[in-house]
Amino acid sequence: LWSFPYPDPEEEIELGDFGVLGAKDPDLTIVTYGNGTFYSSQAEKVLREKEGLKIKIVDLRWIAPIHWEALAKEVK
């Protein structure tokens, strides 16, 4: 769960953009940052397998700036 494909080195990630992993229509959304992304992936697996929940993980990638409108739309 620590590794996953990174964008091509030529592809830039804008400051404030975040990554979204998991379900499109989730029962629960986890908003996380840094090492919490790994732990959130572990929690997602347990909740999916044992509880049958659909989970979305939003990895902030940056602490600041945060695009609040985009984040609110993602967790709505």
Protein backbone atom coordinates (compact mmCIF):
# COMPACT_ATOMS: atom_id res chain seq x y z
CA LEU A 1 0.00 0.00 0.00
CA TRP A 2 3.02 2.31 0.21
CA SER A 3 3.60 2.31 -3.51
CA PHE A 4 1.47 3.37 -6.41
CA PRO A 5 2.20 4.94 -9.80
CA TYR A 6 3.40 8.51 -9.68
CA PRO A 7 2.74 10.99 -12.47
CA ASP A 8 5.33 11.27 -15.20
CA PRO A 9 8.21 13.54 -14.10
CA GLU A 10 7.30 15.88 -16.96
CA GLU A 11 3.73 16.20 -15.63
CA GLU A 12 3.36 18.96 -13.06
CA ILE A 13 1.02 18.82 -10.10
CA GLU A 14 -0.24 22.28 -9.28
CA LEU A 15 0.29 23.58 -5.79
CA GLY A 16 -2.89 22.86 -3.87
CA ASP A 17 -4.09 19.98 -6.10
CA PHE A 18 -4.97 16.77 -4.32
CA GLY A 19 -5.18 13.10 -5.25
CA VAL A 20 -8.41 11.10 -5.11
CA LEU A 21 -8.37 7.32 -4.69
CA GLY A 22 -11.18 4.82 -4.32
CA ALA A 23 -14.93 4.84 -4.76
CA LYS A 24 -16.74 7.37 -6.94
CA ASP A 25 -19.93 7.21 -4.83
CA PRO A 26 -18.55 6.47 -1.35
CA ASP A 27 -20.20 5.68 1.96
CA LEU A 28 -17.30 7.48 3.66
CA THR A 29 -14.61 9.93 2.55
CA ILE A 30 -11.27 10.15 4.35
CA VAL A 31 -9.31 13.40 3.97
CA THR A 32 -5.63 12.86 4.72
CA TYR A 33 -2.11 14.15 4.21
CA GLY A 34 1.40 12.71 4.13
CA ASN A 35 1.90 9.43 5.97
CA GLY A 36 -1.83 9.40 6.75
CA THR A 37 -2.44 8.38 3.14
CA PHE A 38 -0.78 5.01 3.82
CA TYR A 39 -2.77 4.46 7.01
CA SER A 40 -5.96 5.56 5.27
CA SER A 41 -5.31 2.94 2.57
CA GLN A 42 -5.00 0.30 5.28
CA ALA A 43 -8.26 1.47 6.88
CA GLU A 44 -10.00 1.50 3.48
CA LYS A 45 -9.06 -2.14 2.91
CA VAL A 46 -10.37 -3.24 6.32
CA LEU A 47 -13.61 -1.25 6.00
CA ARG A 48 -14.21 -2.54 2.47
CA GLU A 49 -13.50 -6.20 3.27
CA LYS A 50 -15.06 -6.46 6.75
CA GLU A 51 -17.86 -3.90 6.63
CA GLY A 52 -18.63 -3.73 2.90
CA LEU A 53 -18.20 0.06 2.84
CA LYS A 54 -17.18 2.07 -0.22
CA ILE A 55 -14.41 4.49 0.73
CA LYS A 56 -12.88 7.46 -1.06
CA ILE A 57 -9.50 8.82 0.05
CA VAL A 58 -8.60 12.44 -0.64
CA ASP A 59 -4.83 12.97 -0.31
CA LEU A 60 -4.25 16.70 0.18
CA ARG A 61 -0.57 16.44 -0.92
CA TRP A 62 -0.04 20.00 0.36
CA ILE A 63 -0.94 21.66 3.63
CA ALA A 64 -1.15 25.08 2.01
CA PRO A 65 -2.69 26.31 -0.13
CA ILE A 66 -5.81 24.17 -0.05
CA HIS A 67 -8.42 24.63 -2.76
CA TRP A 68 -11.35 24.68 -0.34
CA GLU A 69 -14.08 24.81 -3.00
CA ALA A 70 -12.65 21.77 -4.81
CA LEU A 71 -12.24 19.91 -1.52
CA ALA A 72 -15.82 20.71 -0.46
CA LYS A 73 -17.07 19.40 -3.82
CA GLU A 74 -15.02 16.19 -3.38
CA VAL A 75 -16.40 15.43 0.09
CA LYS A 76 -20.00 16.52 -0.56
